[in-house]
C-alpha atoms as a PDB file:
ATOM      1  CA  MET A   1     159.224-217.441 -31.492  1.00  0.00           C
ATOM      2  CA  GLN A   2     156.107-215.353 -29.903  1.00  0.00           C
ATOM      3  CA  PRO A   3     152.986-217.039 -28.758  1.00  0.00           C
ATOM      4  CA  ARG A   4     150.008-216.572 -31.472  1.00  0.00           C
ATOM      5  CA  ILE A   5     147.880-215.299 -28.777  1.00  0.00           C
ATOM      6  CA  PRO A   6     149.249-212.922 -26.691  1.00  0.00           C
ATOM      7  CA  ARG A   7     149.373-213.151 -22.758  1.00  0.00           C
ATOM      8  CA  GLN A   8     146.900-210.540 -21.307  1.00  0.00           C
ATOM      9  CA  SER A   9     148.845-208.454 -19.330  1.00  0.00           C
ATOM     10  CA  THR A  10     147.947-207.242 -15.795  1.00  0.00           C
ATOM     11  CA  GLY A  11     146.003-203.994 -16.863  1.00  0.00           C
ATOM     12  CA  ASP A  12     144.133-205.936 -18.898  1.00  0.00           C
ATOM     13  CA  GLN A  13     143.030-208.037 -15.796  1.00  0.00           C
ATOM     14  CA  VAL A  14     142.423-205.013 -13.931  1.00  0.00           C
ATOM     15  CA  GLY A  15     140.762-203.415 -16.543  1.00  0.00           C
ATOM     16  CA  ALA A  16     138.245-206.703 -17.036  1.00  0.00           C
ATOM     17  CA  ARG A  17     137.565-206.523 -13.308  1.00  0.00           C
ATOM     18  CA  ALA A  18     136.916-202.843 -13.211  1.00  0.00           C
ATOM     19  CA  ASP A  19     134.468-203.338 -16.306  1.00  0.00           C
ATOM     20  CA  ALA A  20     132.679-205.656 -14.317  1.00  0.00           C
ATOM     21  CA  ALA A  21     132.238-203.637 -11.798  1.00  0.00           C
ATOM     22  CA  ALA A  22     131.028-200.847 -13.749  1.00  0.00           C
ATOM     23  CA  GLY A  23     127.896-202.222 -14.387  1.00  0.00           C
ATOM     24  CA  LEU A  24     128.809-205.117 -17.094  1.00  0.00           C
ATOM     25  CA  SER A  25     128.376-208.417 -17.109  1.00  0.00           C
ATOM     26  CA  ALA A  26     131.634-211.009 -16.438  1.00  0.00           C
ATOM     27  CA  GLU A  27     130.741-212.203 -20.164  1.00  0.00           C
ATOM     28  CA  LEU A  28     130.896-208.666 -21.254  1.00  0.00           C
ATOM     29  CA  ALA A  29     134.108-207.602 -19.450  1.00  0.00           C
ATOM     30  CA  ALA A  30     135.864-210.845 -20.954  1.00  0.00           C
ATOM     31  CA  VAL A  31     134.752-209.413 -24.622  1.00  0.00           C
ATOM     32  CA  LEU A  32     136.091-206.087 -23.572  1.00  0.00           C
ATOM     33  CA  ALA A  33     139.610-207.421 -22.708  1.00  0.00           C
ATOM     34  CA  GLY A  34     139.316-209.521 -25.688  1.00  0.00           C
ATOM     35  CA  ALA A  35     138.699-206.338 -28.024  1.00  0.00           C
ATOM     36  CA  ARG A  36     141.651-204.865 -25.952  1.00  0.00           C
ATOM     37  CA  ARG A  37     143.902-207.643 -27.131  1.00  0.00           C
ATOM     38  CA  ARG A  38     142.464-207.254 -30.660  1.00  0.00           C
ATOM     39  CA  ALA A  39     143.483-203.584 -30.698  1.00  0.00           C
ATOM     40  CA  LEU A  40     146.760-203.994 -29.780  1.00  0.00           C
ATOM     41  CA  ARG A  41     147.730-206.776 -31.833  1.00  0.00           C
ATOM     42  CA  ASP A  42     146.187-204.897 -34.566  1.00  0.00           C
ATOM     43  CA  GLY A  43     148.419-201.912 -33.354  1.00  0.00           C
ATOM     44  CA  ASP A  44     145.258-199.626 -33.071  1.00  0.00           C
ATOM     45  CA  ARG A  45     145.383-196.688 -30.693  1.00  0.00           C
ATOM     46  CA  GLN A  46     142.129-197.564 -29.185  1.00  0.00           C
ATOM     47  CA  ILE A  47     139.381-199.979 -29.204  1.00  0.00           C
ATOM     48  CA  ASP A  48     136.746-199.245 -31.784  1.00  0.00           C
ATOM     49  CA  THR A  49     133.296-200.948 -32.293  1.00  0.00           C
ATOM     50  CA  ALA A  50     134.665-203.365 -35.335  1.00  0.00           C
ATOM     51  CA  HIS A  51     137.235-204.686 -32.474  1.00  0.00           C
ATOM     52  CA  VAL A  52     134.091-204.971 -30.080  1.00  0.00           C
ATOM     53  CA  LEU A  53     131.512-206.817 -32.588  1.00  0.00           C
ATOM     54  CA  HIS A  54     134.454-209.467 -33.433  1.00  0.00           C
ATOM     55  CA  SER A  55     134.972-210.083 -29.917  1.00  0.00           C
ATOM     56  CA  LEU A  56     131.370-210.420 -29.180  1.00  0.00           C
ATOM     57  CA  LEU A  57     131.076-212.931 -32.162  1.00  0.00           C
ATOM     58  CA  GLU A  58     134.182-215.163 -31.301  1.00  0.00           C
ATOM     59  CA  HIS A  59     133.036-214.872 -27.217  1.00  0.00           C
ATOM     60  CA  ASP A  60     128.820-215.068 -26.935  1.00  0.00           C
ATOM     61  CA  PRO A  61     126.850-217.785 -28.778  1.00  0.00           C
ATOM     62  CA  GLU A  62     123.741-215.438 -27.956  1.00  0.00           C
ATOM     63  CA  VAL A  63     125.232-212.888 -29.862  1.00  0.00           C
ATOM     64  CA  CYS A  64     125.889-215.328 -33.067  1.00  0.00           C
ATOM     65  CA  ALA A  65     121.947-216.570 -32.308  1.00  0.00           C
ATOM     66  CA  VAL A  66     120.862-212.758 -33.251  1.00  0.00           C
ATOM     67  CA  PHE A  67     121.817-213.172 -36.550  1.00  0.00           C
ATOM     68  CA  GLU A  68     119.715-214.694 -39.476  1.00  0.00           C
ATOM     69  CA  ASP A  69     121.969-218.058 -39.975  1.00  0.00           C
ATOM     70  CA  GLY A  70     125.568-219.160 -39.897  1.00  0.00           C
ATOM     71  CA  ALA A  71     126.376-217.942 -43.171  1.00  0.00           C
ATOM     72  CA  GLN A  72     126.167-214.449 -42.017  1.00  0.00           C
ATOM     73  CA  VAL A  73     128.417-214.883 -38.916  1.00  0.00           C
ATOM     74  CA  ALA A  74     130.992-216.383 -41.033  1.00  0.00           C
ATOM     75  CA  ARG A  75     131.118-213.670 -43.501  1.00  0.00           C
ATOM     76  CA  LEU A  76     131.395-211.061 -41.035  1.00  0.00           C
ATOM     77  CA  LEU A  77     134.179-213.004 -39.297  1.00  0.00           C
ATOM     78  CA  GLY A  78     136.130-213.155 -42.790  1.00  0.00           C
ATOM     79  CA  TYR A  79     135.825-209.315 -43.354  1.00  0.00           C
ATOM     80  CA  LEU A  80     137.013-208.965 -39.436  1.00  0.00           C
ATOM     81  CA  VAL A  81     139.735-211.239 -40.005  1.00  0.00           C
ATOM     82  CA  GLN A  82     140.545-209.307 -43.235  1.00  0.00           C
ATOM     83  CA  ARG A  83     140.100-205.812 -41.430  1.00  0.00           C
ATOM     84  CA  SER A  84     142.917-207.132 -39.127  1.00  0.00           C
ATOM     85  CA  ILE A  85     145.262-208.458 -42.095  1.00  0.00           C
ATOM     86  CA  GLY A  86     144.884-205.282 -43.892  1.00  0.00           C
ATOM     87  CA  TYR A  87     141.626-203.839 -45.108  1.00  0.00           C
ATOM     88  CA  GLY A  88     141.501-201.703 -41.536  1.00  0.00           C
ATOM     89  CA  LEU A  89     145.027-199.988 -42.167  1.00  0.00           C
ATOM     90  CA  ARG A  90     142.832-197.016 -43.199  1.00  0.00           C
ATOM     91  CA  TRP A  91     141.730-197.055 -39.675  1.00  0.00           C
ATOM     92  CA  GLN A  92     144.943-197.371 -37.948  1.00  0.00           C
ATOM     93  CA  SER A  93     145.610-193.742 -37.311  1.00  0.00           C
ATOM     94  CA  THR A  94     142.324-192.471 -36.859  1.00  0.00           C
ATOM     95  CA  VAL A  95     139.756-191.921 -34.254  1.00  0.00           C
ATOM     96  CA  GLU A  96     136.172-193.829 -34.403  1.00  0.00           C
ATOM     97  CA  ASP A  97     134.383-190.799 -33.951  1.00  0.00           C
ATOM     98  CA  SER A  98     130.578-189.646 -35.373  1.00  0.00           C
ATOM     99  CA  GLY A  99     131.570-186.070 -34.987  1.00  0.00           C
ATOM    100  CA  ALA A 100     128.387-185.523 -32.665  1.00  0.00           C
ATOM    101  CA  ILE A 101     130.522-186.248 -29.502  1.00  0.00           C
ATOM    102  CA  PRO A 102     133.545-185.234 -28.392  1.00  0.00           C
ATOM    103  CA  VAL A 103     137.049-186.773 -29.192  1.00  0.00           C
ATOM    104  CA  VAL A 104     137.713-187.594 -25.401  1.00  0.00           C
ATOM    105  CA  SER A 105     136.612-191.165 -24.465  1.00  0.00           C
ATOM    106  CA  ALA A 106     134.729-192.182 -21.448  1.00  0.00           C
ATOM    107  CA  VAL A 107     136.040-195.363 -21.161  1.00  0.00           C
ATOM    108  CA  GLU A 108     139.982-195.639 -21.253  1.00  0.00           C
ATOM    109  CA  GLY A 109     141.550-197.072 -24.569  1.00  0.00           C
ATOM    110  CA  CYS A 110     137.966-197.177 -26.294  1.00  0.00           C
ATOM    111  CA  SER A 111     137.420-194.719 -29.327  1.00  0.00           C
ATOM    112  CA  PRO A 112     134.395-192.341 -28.757  1.00  0.00           C
ATOM    113  CA  LEU A 113     131.728-194.640 -30.348  1.00  0.00           C
ATOM    114  CA  ALA A 114     132.711-197.525 -28.185  1.00  0.00           C
ATOM    115  CA  SER A 115     132.507-195.352 -25.238  1.00  0.00           C
ATOM    116  CA  ALA A 116     129.420-194.245 -26.202  1.00  0.00           C
ATOM    117  CA  ALA A 117     127.870-197.577 -26.770  1.00  0.00           C
ATOM    118  CA  LEU A 118     128.910-199.234 -23.487  1.00  0.00           C
ATOM    119  CA  GLU A 119     127.110-196.389 -22.002  1.00  0.00           C
ATOM    120  CA  HIS A 120     124.029-197.188 -24.311  1.00  0.00           C
ATOM    121  CA  ALA A 121     124.374-200.834 -23.479  1.00  0.00           C
ATOM    122  CA  ARG A 122     124.150-200.131 -19.866  1.00  0.00           C
ATOM    123  CA  ALA A 123     121.371-197.777 -20.124  1.00  0.00           C
ATOM    124  CA  ARG A 124     119.970-200.421 -22.481  1.00  0.00           C
ATOM    125  CA  ALA A 125     120.188-203.572 -19.382  1.00  0.00           C
ATOM    126  CA  ALA A 126     118.367-200.704 -16.748  1.00  0.00           C
ATOM    127  CA  ARG A 127     115.798-200.220 -18.824  1.00  0.00           C
ATOM    128  CA  PHE A 128     115.033-203.921 -18.714  1.00  0.00           C
ATOM    129  CA  GLY A 129     115.678-203.691 -14.648  1.00  0.00           C
ATOM    130  CA  GLU A 130     118.957-205.227 -15.135  1.00  0.00           C
ATOM    131  CA  ASP A 131     122.154-204.450 -12.920  1.00  0.00           C
ATOM    132  CA  GLU A 132     124.644-205.277 -15.670  1.00  0.00           C
ATOM    133  CA  ALA A 133     124.937-205.102 -19.432  1.00  0.00           C
ATOM    134  CA  CYS A 134     124.841-208.422 -21.145  1.00  0.00           C
ATOM    135  CA  CYS A 135     126.665-208.746 -24.804  1.00  0.00           C
ATOM    136  CA  VAL A 136     123.335-208.656 -26.619  1.00  0.00           C
ATOM    137  CA  ASP A 137     122.946-205.187 -25.092  1.00  0.00           C
ATOM    138  CA  LEU A 138     126.474-204.221 -26.160  1.00  0.00           C
ATOM    139  CA  LEU A 139     125.544-205.232 -29.798  1.00  0.00           C
ATOM    140  CA  ALA A 140     122.095-203.599 -29.843  1.00  0.00           C
ATOM    141  CA  ALA A 141     124.343-200.090 -29.212  1.00  0.00           C
ATOM    142  CA  VAL A 142     126.951-200.963 -31.718  1.00  0.00           C
ATOM    143  CA  VAL A 143     124.650-201.191 -34.247  1.00  0.00           C
ATOM    144  CA  ALA A 144     122.194-198.358 -33.550  1.00  0.00           C
ATOM    145  CA  ASP A 145     125.002-195.681 -34.479  1.00  0.00           C
ATOM    146  CA  PRO A 146     125.562-195.432 -38.358  1.00  0.00           C
ATOM    147  CA  GLN A 147     128.855-193.796 -37.872  1.00  0.00           C
ATOM    148  CA  ALA A 148     130.018-197.069 -36.375  1.00  0.00           C
ATOM    149  CA  ARG A 149     132.962-198.691 -38.087  1.00  0.00           C
ATOM    150  CA  ALA A 150     131.269-202.000 -37.000  1.00  0.00           C
ATOM    151  CA  VAL A 151     127.853-201.057 -38.960  1.00  0.00           C
ATOM    152  CA  GLU A 152     130.695-200.887 -41.842  1.00  0.00           C
ATOM    153  CA  VAL A 153     131.801-204.469 -41.533  1.00  0.00           C
ATOM    154  CA  LEU A 154     128.486-205.486 -40.985  1.00  0.00           C
ATOM    155  CA  THR A 155     127.228-203.402 -44.369  1.00  0.00           C
ATOM    156  CA  ARG A 156     130.253-204.784 -45.831  1.00  0.00           C
ATOM    157  CA  ALA A 157     129.289-208.532 -45.214  1.00  0.00           C
ATOM    158  CA  GLY A 158     125.504-208.296 -46.290  1.00  0.00           C
ATOM    159  CA  VAL A 159     123.952-207.615 -42.802  1.00  0.00           C
ATOM    160  CA  ASP A 160     121.491-204.569 -42.582  1.00  0.00           C
ATOM    161  CA  PRO A 161     122.434-202.841 -39.350  1.00  0.00           C
ATOM    162  CA  ARG A 162     118.766-201.984 -38.797  1.00  0.00           C
ATOM    163  CA  GLU A 163     117.232-205.033 -39.434  1.00  0.00           C
ATOM    164  CA  LEU A 164     119.512-206.753 -37.171  1.00  0.00           C
ATOM    165  CA  PHE A 165     118.919-203.923 -34.446  1.00  0.00           C
ATOM    166  CA  LEU A 166     115.249-204.595 -35.028  1.00  0.00           C
ATOM    167  CA  ARG A 167     115.665-208.220 -34.659  1.00  0.00           C
ATOM    168  CA  ILE A 168     117.635-208.087 -31.275  1.00  0.00           C
ATOM    169  CA  GLU A 169     115.231-205.553 -29.783  1.00  0.00           C
ATOM    170  CA  SER A 170     111.942-208.112 -30.819  1.00  0.00           C
ATOM    171  CA  ARG A 171     113.807-210.975 -29.024  1.00  0.00           C
ATOM    172  CA  PRO A 172     113.039-212.040 -25.372  1.00  0.00           C
ATOM    173  CA  ARG A 173     115.588-210.695 -22.843  1.00  0.00           C
ATOM    174  CA  ARG A 174     116.448-214.175 -21.064  1.00  0.00           C
ATOM    175  CA  PRO A 175     117.096-217.552 -22.520  1.00  0.00           C
ATOM    176  CA  GLU A 176     114.070-219.067 -20.307  1.00  0.00           C
ATOM    177  CA  GLU A 177     111.906-216.626 -22.254  1.00  0.00           C
ATOM    178  CA  TYR A 178     113.003-218.332 -25.841  1.00  0.00           C
ATOM    179  CA  ALA A 179     110.832-221.577 -24.777  1.00  0.00           C
ATOM    180  CA  GLU A 180     107.464-218.794 -23.905  1.00  0.00           C
ATOM    181  CA  SER A 181     107.979-217.080 -27.231  1.00  0.00           C
ATOM    182  CA  GLY A 182     108.468-220.204 -29.053  1.00  0.00           C
ATOM    183  CA  GLU A 183     112.100-219.160 -30.494  1.00  0.00           C
ATOM    184  CA  ALA A 184     114.824-221.493 -30.617  1.00  0.00           C
ATOM    185  CA  THR A 185     116.841-221.070 -27.597  1.00  0.00           C
ATOM    186  CA  PRO A 186     120.736-219.447 -28.599  1.00  0.00           C
END
């Protein structure tokens, strides 16, 4: 009998450490390791933005707090689970690509769009004076590209990606800023 949750290989652990060293927070490196495991378990060739979205929702409460309510998160997770058990099969042998960038991925194992999202997350963090990108930075980058599979999943779950992006951009950067803005902490 195989374990229900595959063990993380040494390669995944090395990859997670390399991600953390490359301008990503430890939490975001863990999210990417989870997305790698999900892609492998789903039989996909690359980590795409839907894998990233699924892992972000599972690993980071701050990401979940960006959505309007728990019902949106539940619908999203439902679509993402459906994807892993069948509806994503049409994506399995294809590369997620907007056509605007080369098919070669800058981040090993990631689709070109997921790789570009990681770069945009790093740039977003730098714009705020941070050395490392966090999970919300990556969520903002993933929902910004209308060609991303994650955007398709969001749309199918009844979440407007543009509205979500604007909500992310209007939120305070750090949890301690929530008290100052009057928002509830995530």
